[in-house]
Amino acid sequence: MSRLKQKINQRYLAFYFLTALFIFTIYIKHTISLQYFILFFMILTLVFIAKKEKYHRYAMFFSKIKISMIFLFLLSSWILLQPIITSRGYHLTEISNQFFSPLIYLFVGMCIAILLPKRSQKIIINIVFFVGFSHLIILLTMAGYHFLQSGVIPIRKVYILPVDEISYLTNLIYSMFLAEIYTRFKYNQKYLYLSNFAIPFIFLTFVIAIYLEGMRWGVVTFSLTTITFILFYLLTSHHPKFQKFVLFSITTIFLIALVLGNLKSDKRWDSISETINISLYSPSLYWLNPTKFPCPKLSNGQCVNMSNYIRLAQQVHGYKTLLDYPLGIGYSRYAYKNMMDEKYNNQEGGFNFPHSGVLNLIIGIGIPGFILYVAFTLSLLYLLLKLSPSFSQIFTIFFIFAYNTRGIIDMTFMNHSLKVFFFLMGLGIGTAIFFNQQETTHEK
């Protein structure tokens, strides 16, 4: 019996190592082959583990999420049938790499929760957090070295990860951190291997990392997630009203200071109000293709800031043009470009992406497909809200909120970020479902 237990633990150790390597490399560019290689061995290890575990957990798990799986099946079917219904060609490579590949990550995350006992689930989630957090430590270390060498604080400086990718990662693991704070101080449940003494330093690391990344919408998402967390905590806590007011006030003041710091360090905010007016009402097609159309001018005679103007103008014209393509243009990272090229006969140059993952998704799968995606997401959130309070429940709710919110104003729903989203969504929902389930001696 002891040999069997030791053998099982060895299998888990191998899986822990593969998971750590997988999380560390998943956001690094040009490592896609390595990621698939690691994922392949993760799946093999899970298959080996599955032979030793009981299968009653499968039935229980999928009985819980059957409604969500129906919506996911309908969404998958729509994506495959859409080109036939709309008489458009298939984007088979895009559908395979950008939708069905992330689905594999989703089911791997689910299988980890189904097949591994609670202790191993907890270790896996800690690996995700601390390996992700290691990228922030690397960022701060390299930025500190750069500051000592040059005397200049490096904003948006690329080290291992591009600034947009590390910004997504920061929002992700910050959701885990908030979930830990909530369950630790409200339910006395400790999930992450952190001491109470370390918590303020971890939070400070997040704040410094967000500032150094210099991603405006990363700051916005960070602030919205924090405020939502504070409101959620205050509404569900039993502290006196005065303590609630003080806590909310301190947090709000701190976040305002963070936003003001970003406003001061990022000059793109200076002309934002005038640029919004131009984006909404200017007839210029500069948003479509800057190489073919002249740049709209600010009142001081300078060109509009590209980032400010393009983000809003693309959304305004994108949603207007979507009315001509209610069934979508076909699932693809390049759905926005495909639609604009067809609408405006703009075959050369232009933007591949609309700086909005949500807009690109709606353009690709159309209004029917987007309704199915929303139904899938809301059904998962409804399931989570019905479960017993736990770290995984709170984390997954905040993570889904943060990712979809960021997708409104940033190009999520593609590449690495989409795969991580699906993987952690599967892992989070699975571990939340099994939180209160009793394990047999064999499973422990």
Protein backbone atom coordinates (compact mmCIF):
# COMPACT_ATOMS: atom_id res chain seq x y z
CA MET A 1 0.00 0.00 0.00
CA SER A 2 2.81 2.40 0.87
CA ARG A 3 4.57 1.60 -2.42
CA LEU A 4 1.40 2.37 -4.33
CA LYS A 5 1.00 5.67 -2.46
CA GLN A 6 4.63 6.56 -3.14
CA LYS A 7 4.16 5.75 -6.83
CA ILE A 8 1.07 7.96 -7.01
CA ASN A 9 2.95 10.80 -5.33
CA GLN A 10 5.77 10.43 -7.85
CA ARG A 11 3.26 10.72 -10.69
CA TYR A 12 1.90 13.86 -9.10
CA LEU A 13 5.42 15.31 -8.74
CA ALA A 14 5.99 14.85 -12.46
CA PHE A 15 2.69 16.57 -13.16
CA TYR A 16 3.55 19.45 -10.82
CA PHE A 17 6.80 20.02 -12.71
CA LEU A 18 5.05 19.94 -16.09
CA THR A 19 2.42 22.39 -14.87
CA ALA A 20 5.06 24.82 -13.60
CA LEU A 21 6.92 24.68 -16.91
CA PHE A 22 3.65 25.05 -18.81
CA ILE A 23 2.56 28.17 -16.91
CA PHE A 24 6.01 29.79 -17.10
CA THR A 25 6.27 29.42 -20.88
CA ILE A 26 2.67 29.93 -21.98
CA TYR A 27 2.95 33.71 -22.36
CA ILE A 28 6.46 33.67 -23.87
CA LYS A 29 6.55 34.27 -27.61
CA HIS A 30 7.85 31.62 -30.01
CA THR A 31 7.34 28.79 -27.52
CA ILE A 32 4.14 27.35 -29.01
CA SER A 33 5.79 24.07 -30.01
CA LEU A 34 7.26 23.69 -26.52
CA GLN A 35 3.85 24.44 -24.99
CA TYR A 36 2.15 21.73 -27.04
CA PHE A 37 4.96 19.34 -26.16
CA ILE A 38 4.45 20.01 -22.43
CA LEU A 39 0.67 19.84 -22.77
CA PHE A 40 0.96 16.46 -24.51
CA PHE A 41 2.91 15.02 -21.58
CA MET A 42 0.48 16.62 -19.12
CA ILE A 43 -2.37 14.81 -20.84
CA LEU A 44 -0.40 11.54 -20.84
CA THR A 45 0.24 11.92 -17.12
CA LEU A 46 -3.45 12.59 -16.51
CA VAL A 47 -4.37 9.46 -18.48
CA PHE A 48 -1.96 7.42 -16.35
CA ILE A 49 -3.42 8.93 -13.17
CA ALA A 50 -6.95 8.27 -14.43
CA LYS A 51 -6.32 4.52 -14.52
CA LYS A 52 -5.79 4.54 -10.76
CA GLU A 53 -8.68 6.80 -9.80
CA LYS A 54 -12.41 6.23 -9.57
CA TYR A 55 -14.71 7.42 -12.31
CA HIS A 56 -17.73 8.50 -10.24
CA ARG A 57 -16.25 12.02 -10.17
CA TYR A 58 -16.76 12.36 -13.94
CA ALA A 59 -20.50 11.78 -13.65
CA MET A 60 -20.87 14.14 -10.73
CA PHE A 61 -18.83 16.89 -12.39
CA PHE A 62 -20.57 16.85 -15.76
CA SER A 63 -24.00 16.63 -14.13
CA LYS A 64 -23.16 19.98 -12.51
CA ILE A 65 -22.03 21.72 -15.70
CA LYS A 66 -24.31 20.04 -18.25
CA ILE A 67 -26.19 23.28 -19.05
CA SER A 68 -22.91 25.11 -19.70
CA MET A 69 -21.67 22.22 -21.84
CA ILE A 70 -24.86 22.38 -23.92
CA PHE A 71 -24.26 26.07 -24.62
CA LEU A 72 -20.60 25.33 -25.44
CA PHE A 73 -21.66 22.54 -27.82
CA LEU A 74 -24.14 24.88 -29.53
CA LEU A 75 -21.47 27.58 -29.84
CA SER A 76 -19.00 25.09 -31.33
CA SER A 77 -21.65 23.85 -33.75
CA TRP A 78 -22.52 27.39 -34.78
CA ILE A 79 -18.85 28.22 -35.47
CA LEU A 80 -18.59 25.15 -37.71
CA LEU A 81 -21.93 25.67 -39.49
CA GLN A 82 -21.71 29.46 -39.79
CA PRO A 83 -19.64 29.47 -43.03
CA ILE A 84 -22.26 27.23 -44.66
CA ILE A 85 -25.20 29.32 -43.44
CA THR A 86 -23.58 32.60 -44.52
CA SER A 87 -22.07 31.13 -47.74
CA ARG A 88 -18.57 32.14 -46.68
CA GLY A 89 -15.36 30.17 -46.82
CA TYR A 90 -13.98 28.30 -43.83
CA HIS A 91 -11.13 29.70 -41.76
CA LEU A 92 -10.15 26.16 -40.77
CA THR A 93 -6.70 27.05 -39.43
CA GLU A 94 -8.12 29.89 -37.35
CA ILE A 95 -11.01 27.80 -36.02
CA SER A 96 -8.64 24.98 -35.12
CA ASN A 97 -5.89 27.09 -33.52
CA GLN A 98 -8.00 29.81 -31.95
CA PHE A 99 -11.08 27.95 -30.75
CA PHE A 100 -10.73 24.19 -30.59
CA SER A 101 -7.15 24.35 -29.33
CA PRO A 102 -8.22 26.51 -26.33
CA LEU A 103 -11.04 24.00 -25.72
CA ILE A 104 -8.35 21.37 -25.13
CA TYR A 105 -6.87 23.65 -22.48
CA LEU A 106 -10.35 24.00 -20.93
CA PHE A 107 -10.83 20.25 -20.65
CA VAL A 108 -7.29 19.70 -19.34
CA GLY A 109 -8.08 22.19 -16.56
CA MET A 110 -11.31 20.33 -15.83
CA CYS A 111 -9.57 16.95 -15.83
CA ILE A 112 -7.00 18.16 -13.30
CA ALA A 113 -9.87 18.93 -10.92
CA ILE A 114 -11.62 15.64 -11.67
CA LEU A 115 -8.63 13.33 -11.41
CA LEU A 116 -6.44 14.89 -8.73
CA PRO A 117 -7.31 14.84 -5.01
CA LYS A 118 -7.88 18.10 -3.14
CA ARG A 119 -4.33 18.31 -1.84
CA SER A 120 -2.94 18.07 -5.37
CA GLN A 121 -5.52 20.53 -6.69
CA LYS A 122 -4.34 23.02 -4.09
CA ILE A 123 -0.70 22.49 -5.06
CA ILE A 124 -1.52 23.01 -8.76
CA ILE A 125 -3.30 26.31 -8.05
CA ASN A 126 -0.36 27.47 -5.92
CA ILE A 127 1.99 26.57 -8.77
CA VAL A 128 -0.10 28.68 -11.15
CA PHE A 129 0.01 31.63 -8.77
CA PHE A 130 3.68 31.53 -7.79
CA VAL A 131 5.02 30.73 -11.25
CA GLY A 132 2.94 33.58 -12.66
CA PHE A 133 4.10 35.81 -9.83
CA SER A 134 7.72 34.96 -10.66
CA HIS A 135 7.31 36.90 -13.91
CA LEU A 136 6.41 39.99 -11.86
CA ILE A 137 9.49 39.47 -9.67
CA ILE A 138 11.63 39.26 -12.81
CA LEU A 139 10.01 42.45 -14.11
CA LEU A 140 10.68 44.34 -10.85
CA THR A 141 14.25 43.00 -10.59
CA MET A 142 15.17 43.98 -14.14
CA ALA A 143 13.45 47.36 -13.78
CA GLY A 144 15.37 47.99 -10.54
CA TYR A 145 18.64 47.13 -12.27
CA HIS A 146 17.75 49.43 -15.18
CA PHE A 147 16.94 52.26 -12.76
CA LEU A 148 20.24 51.86 -10.92
CA GLN A 149 22.12 51.96 -14.23
CA SER A 150 20.30 54.89 -15.87
CA GLY A 151 18.42 56.71 -13.12
CA VAL A 152 15.23 56.43 -15.21
CA ILE A 153 12.18 54.40 -14.21
CA PRO A 154 11.57 52.00 -17.14
CA ILE A 155 7.90 52.14 -18.21
CA ARG A 156 6.65 49.56 -20.78
CA LYS A 157 10.11 48.00 -20.94
CA VAL A 158 10.08 44.46 -22.40
CA TYR A 159 12.12 41.78 -20.64
CA ILE A 160 10.94 38.16 -20.90
CA LEU A 161 7.27 38.86 -21.66
CA PRO A 162 5.77 41.57 -23.89
CA VAL A 163 4.06 44.28 -21.83
CA ASP A 164 0.58 43.33 -23.02
CA GLU A 165 1.07 39.67 -22.12
CA ILE A 166 2.51 40.35 -18.67
CA SER A 167 -0.32 42.82 -18.10
CA TYR A 168 -2.88 40.05 -18.80
CA LEU A 169 -0.93 37.74 -16.50
CA THR A 170 -0.89 40.37 -13.74
CA ASN A 171 -4.68 40.76 -13.87
CA LEU A 172 -5.04 36.97 -13.81
CA ILE A 173 -2.97 36.22 -10.72
CA TYR A 174 -4.27 39.36 -9.02
CA SER A 175 -7.73 37.74 -9.17
CA MET A 176 -6.25 34.76 -7.34
CA PHE A 177 -4.73 37.07 -4.74
CA LEU A 178 -8.06 38.82 -4.11
CA ALA A 179 -9.83 35.47 -3.78
CA GLU A 180 -7.27 34.42 -1.18
CA ILE A 181 -7.78 37.59 0.85
CA TYR A 182 -11.56 37.17 0.77
CA THR A 183 -11.70 33.51 1.81
CA ARG A 184 -8.86 33.89 4.34
CA PHE A 185 -10.37 36.77 6.29
CA LYS A 186 -14.05 35.95 5.86
CA TYR A 187 -14.07 32.13 6.12
CA ASN A 188 -10.64 31.47 7.66
CA GLN A 189 -9.70 29.35 4.65
CA LYS A 190 -6.05 29.50 3.58
CA TYR A 191 -5.41 28.27 0.06
CA LEU A 192 -2.29 30.04 -1.17
CA TYR A 193 0.94 29.38 0.69
CA LEU A 194 1.26 32.96 1.93
CA SER A 195 1.62 34.28 5.46
CA ASN A 196 -0.53 37.19 6.57
CA PHE A 197 2.67 39.19 6.96
CA ALA A 198 3.46 38.76 3.24
CA ILE A 199 0.07 39.93 1.96
CA PRO A 200 0.74 43.73 1.96
CA PHE A 201 4.09 43.18 0.22
CA ILE A 202 2.45 41.00 -2.42
CA PHE A 203 -0.15 43.71 -3.00
CA LEU A 204 2.59 46.35 -3.28
CA THR A 205 4.34 44.17 -5.87
CA PHE A 206 1.16 44.09 -7.95
CA VAL A 207 0.82 47.87 -7.77
CA ILE A 208 4.44 48.48 -8.81
CA ALA A 209 4.17 45.91 -11.61
CA ILE A 210 0.98 47.52 -12.95
CA TYR A 211 2.75 50.90 -12.93
CA LEU A 212 5.87 49.59 -14.68
CA GLU A 213 3.86 47.75 -17.33
CA GLY A 214 2.38 51.10 -18.37
CA MET A 215 -0.75 49.54 -19.87
CA ARG A 216 -3.57 52.01 -19.33
CA TRP A 217 -6.28 49.41 -19.63
CA GLY A 218 -4.34 47.12 -17.34
CA VAL A 219 -4.60 49.87 -14.71
CA VAL A 220 -8.32 50.29 -15.45
CA THR A 221 -8.99 46.55 -15.14
CA PHE A 222 -6.88 46.36 -11.97
CA SER A 223 -8.85 49.24 -10.44
CA LEU A 224 -12.28 47.93 -11.47
CA THR A 225 -11.47 44.46 -10.15
CA THR A 226 -10.27 45.91 -6.84
CA ILE A 227 -13.33 48.13 -6.40
CA THR A 228 -15.63 45.24 -7.30
CA PHE A 229 -13.83 43.05 -4.79
CA ILE A 230 -14.12 45.66 -2.02
CA LEU A 231 -17.83 46.18 -2.69
CA PHE A 232 -18.39 42.42 -2.77
CA TYR A 233 -16.53 42.01 0.50
CA LEU A 234 -18.35 44.86 2.23
CA LEU A 235 -21.78 43.68 1.08
CA THR A 236 -21.16 40.17 2.40
CA SER A 237 -19.37 41.08 5.62
CA HIS A 238 -20.79 41.92 9.04
CA HIS A 239 -18.44 44.76 9.97
CA PRO A 240 -19.91 47.99 11.38
CA LYS A 241 -20.93 50.55 8.77
CA PHE A 242 -18.20 52.96 9.85
CA GLN A 243 -15.47 50.34 9.31
CA LYS A 244 -16.92 49.54 5.90
CA PHE A 245 -16.89 53.24 4.99
CA VAL A 246 -13.28 53.67 6.12
CA LEU A 247 -12.11 50.58 4.22
CA PHE A 248 -13.87 51.61 1.03
CA SER A 249 -12.60 55.20 1.31
CA ILE A 250 -8.97 54.17 1.84
CA THR A 251 -9.10 51.75 -1.09
CA THR A 252 -10.74 54.32 -3.36
CA ILE A 253 -8.15 56.99 -2.48
CA PHE A 254 -5.32 54.54 -3.13
CA LEU A 255 -6.74 53.53 -6.52
CA ILE A 256 -7.27 57.16 -7.48
CA ALA A 257 -3.60 57.78 -6.66
CA LEU A 258 -2.62 54.83 -8.86
CA VAL A 259 -4.75 56.11 -11.75
CA LEU A 260 -3.38 59.64 -11.34
CA GLY A 261 0.13 58.22 -11.43
CA ASN A 262 -0.66 56.51 -14.71
CA LEU A 263 -2.24 59.70 -16.05
CA LYS A 264 0.92 61.62 -15.22
CA SER A 265 3.35 59.04 -16.64
CA ASP A 266 1.33 58.30 -19.80
CA LYS A 267 1.04 61.38 -22.02
CA ARG A 268 -1.61 59.70 -24.17
CA TRP A 269 -4.23 60.78 -21.62
CA ASP A 270 -3.54 64.50 -22.24
CA SER A 271 -5.69 64.77 -25.37
CA ILE A 272 -8.22 62.04 -24.58
CA SER A 273 -11.35 64.25 -24.32
CA GLU A 274 -10.77 66.01 -27.65
CA THR A 275 -9.85 62.73 -29.31
CA ILE A 276 -13.11 61.11 -28.15
CA ASN A 277 -15.07 63.85 -29.93
CA ILE A 278 -13.05 63.34 -33.13
CA SER A 279 -13.48 59.56 -32.98
CA LEU A 280 -17.24 59.87 -32.66
CA TYR A 281 -17.97 62.55 -35.26
CA SER A 282 -15.04 62.93 -37.69
CA PRO A 283 -15.66 61.53 -41.21
CA SER A 284 -11.98 60.60 -41.49
CA LEU A 285 -11.10 57.01 -42.42
CA TYR A 286 -7.73 57.22 -40.71
CA TRP A 287 -8.94 54.52 -38.31
CA LEU A 288 -9.31 52.15 -41.28
CA ASN A 289 -5.88 52.55 -42.81
CA PRO A 290 -3.36 55.18 -41.59
CA THR A 291 -1.20 54.62 -44.68
CA LYS A 292 -3.98 55.65 -47.08
CA PHE A 293 -5.96 58.31 -45.25
CA PRO A 294 -4.87 61.58 -43.60
CA CYS A 295 -4.61 61.93 -39.85
CA PRO A 296 -7.33 63.97 -38.07
CA LYS A 297 -5.93 67.05 -36.34
CA LEU A 298 -6.31 68.25 -32.79
CA SER A 299 -7.05 71.91 -32.08
CA ASN A 300 -3.31 72.55 -31.65
CA GLY A 301 -2.64 71.27 -35.16
CA GLN A 302 -1.06 68.00 -34.08
CA CYS A 303 -2.26 64.59 -35.21
CA VAL A 304 -4.52 62.69 -32.83
CA ASN A 305 -2.78 60.19 -30.62
CA MET A 306 -2.96 56.90 -32.51
CA SER A 307 -3.83 54.75 -29.48
CA ASN A 308 -6.56 57.08 -28.20
CA TYR A 309 -8.19 57.63 -31.58
CA ILE A 310 -7.97 54.15 -33.04
CA ARG A 311 -9.46 52.33 -30.05
CA LEU A 312 -12.68 54.32 -29.98
CA ALA A 313 -13.05 54.92 -33.73
CA GLN A 314 -12.63 51.23 -34.48
CA GLN A 315 -15.37 50.36 -31.99
CA VAL A 316 -17.77 53.05 -33.25
CA HIS A 317 -17.38 52.06 -36.91
CA GLY A 318 -17.00 48.37 -36.10
CA TYR A 319 -20.38 48.11 -34.37
CA LYS A 320 -22.03 50.23 -37.09
CA THR A 321 -20.64 47.95 -39.80
CA LEU A 322 -21.66 44.88 -37.79
CA LEU A 323 -25.30 45.77 -38.56
CA ASP A 324 -24.57 44.78 -42.17
CA TYR A 325 -23.14 41.42 -41.02
CA PRO A 326 -25.44 40.26 -38.17
CA LEU A 327 -24.55 36.58 -38.72
CA GLY A 328 -20.84 37.31 -38.57
CA ILE A 329 -17.94 37.16 -40.97
CA GLY A 330 -16.45 33.86 -39.72
CA TYR A 331 -14.47 33.00 -36.58
CA SER A 332 -10.92 34.32 -36.89
CA ARG A 333 -8.38 36.53 -35.17
CA TYR A 334 -8.66 38.67 -38.28
CA ALA A 335 -12.47 38.90 -38.32
CA TYR A 336 -12.37 42.69 -37.98
CA LYS A 337 -9.93 43.11 -40.87
CA ASN A 338 -11.87 40.64 -43.03
CA MET A 339 -15.08 42.61 -42.51
CA MET A 340 -13.50 46.01 -43.14
CA ASP A 341 -11.64 44.78 -46.23
CA GLU A 342 -14.93 43.53 -47.64
CA LYS A 343 -16.94 46.60 -46.66
CA TYR A 344 -14.44 49.24 -47.80
CA ASN A 345 -12.46 47.23 -50.38
CA ASN A 346 -9.41 47.89 -48.23
CA GLN A 347 -7.10 45.07 -49.27
CA GLU A 348 -3.74 46.67 -48.53
CA GLY A 349 -2.52 47.84 -45.14
CA GLY A 350 -4.90 48.67 -42.34
CA PHE A 351 -5.26 47.08 -38.93
CA ASN A 352 -5.56 43.37 -38.35
CA PHE A 353 -7.24 43.79 -34.96
CA PRO A 354 -9.74 46.30 -33.50
CA HIS A 355 -8.19 46.77 -30.02
CA SER A 356 -11.28 45.04 -28.64
CA GLY A 357 -11.49 41.31 -28.20
CA VAL A 358 -15.25 41.51 -27.63
CA LEU A 359 -15.84 43.45 -30.86
CA ASN A 360 -13.64 41.08 -32.85
CA LEU A 361 -15.47 38.09 -31.35
CA ILE A 362 -18.92 39.48 -32.24
CA ILE A 363 -17.80 40.29 -35.78
CA GLY A 364 -16.43 36.77 -36.15
CA ILE A 365 -19.24 34.64 -34.72
CA GLY A 366 -22.07 37.12 -35.27
CA ILE A 367 -24.88 38.07 -32.93
CA PRO A 368 -26.23 34.47 -32.62
CA GLY A 369 -22.78 33.15 -31.71
CA PHE A 370 -22.16 35.93 -29.22
CA ILE A 371 -25.51 35.24 -27.53
CA LEU A 372 -24.40 31.62 -27.12
CA TYR A 373 -21.04 32.73 -25.68
CA VAL A 374 -22.79 35.04 -23.19
CA ALA A 375 -25.19 32.23 -22.25
CA PHE A 376 -22.23 29.88 -21.71
CA THR A 377 -20.43 32.44 -19.52
CA LEU A 378 -23.51 33.40 -17.48
CA SER A 379 -24.41 29.75 -16.90
CA LEU A 380 -20.94 29.17 -15.44
CA LEU A 381 -21.24 32.24 -13.22
CA TYR A 382 -24.69 31.11 -12.05
CA LEU A 383 -23.28 27.68 -11.20
CA LEU A 384 -20.39 29.24 -9.29
CA LEU A 385 -22.69 31.48 -7.28
CA LYS A 386 -24.70 28.44 -6.17
CA LEU A 387 -21.62 26.61 -4.88
CA SER A 388 -20.27 26.80 -1.34
CA PRO A 389 -17.89 29.74 -0.77
CA SER A 390 -14.30 28.76 -1.57
CA PHE A 391 -11.08 30.15 -2.99
CA SER A 392 -11.73 28.61 -6.42
CA GLN A 393 -15.29 29.91 -6.53
CA ILE A 394 -14.27 33.52 -5.76
CA PHE A 395 -11.17 33.41 -7.97
CA THR A 396 -13.05 32.08 -11.00
CA ILE A 397 -15.81 34.66 -10.66
CA PHE A 398 -13.30 37.52 -10.48
CA PHE A 399 -11.17 36.03 -13.26
CA ILE A 400 -14.11 35.69 -15.66
CA PHE A 401 -15.17 39.25 -14.80
CA ALA A 402 -11.66 40.69 -15.27
CA TYR A 403 -10.95 38.88 -18.54
CA ASN A 404 -14.23 39.80 -20.21
CA THR A 405 -14.03 43.39 -18.95
CA ARG A 406 -10.49 43.73 -20.33
CA GLY A 407 -11.76 42.31 -23.62
CA ILE A 408 -13.98 45.35 -24.17
CA ILE A 409 -10.99 47.67 -24.55
CA ASP A 410 -8.11 45.29 -25.35
CA MET A 411 -7.48 42.52 -27.85
CA THR A 412 -8.11 39.45 -25.71
CA PHE A 413 -9.91 36.29 -26.92
CA MET A 414 -6.93 35.14 -28.95
CA ASN A 415 -3.58 33.38 -28.75
CA HIS A 416 -1.98 32.79 -25.33
CA SER A 417 -4.46 34.81 -23.27
CA LEU A 418 -7.45 32.83 -24.58
CA LYS A 419 -5.75 29.50 -23.83
CA VAL A 420 -4.87 30.59 -20.30
CA PHE A 421 -8.42 31.87 -19.81
CA PHE A 422 -9.94 28.52 -20.82
CA PHE A 423 -7.39 26.49 -18.85
CA LEU A 424 -7.91 28.38 -15.60
CA MET A 425 -11.67 28.56 -16.11
CA GLY A 426 -11.77 24.76 -16.34
CA LEU A 427 -9.45 24.35 -13.35
CA GLY A 428 -11.27 26.96 -11.26
CA ILE A 429 -14.76 25.62 -11.91
CA GLY A 430 -13.65 22.04 -11.33
CA THR A 431 -11.92 22.70 -8.02
CA ALA A 432 -14.88 24.85 -6.89
CA ILE A 433 -17.30 22.00 -7.59
CA PHE A 434 -15.21 19.45 -5.71
CA PHE A 435 -14.50 21.76 -2.75
CA ASN A 436 -17.12 20.21 -0.49
CA GLN A 437 -17.02 16.67 -1.90
CA GLN A 438 -15.85 13.95 0.44
CA GLU A 439 -12.86 11.95 -0.81
CA THR A 440 -12.26 8.28 -0.30
CA THR A 441 -9.05 7.09 1.33
CA HIS A 442 -7.79 6.04 -2.10
CA GLU A 443 -8.39 9.49 -3.58
CA LYS A 444 -6.58 11.25 -0.77
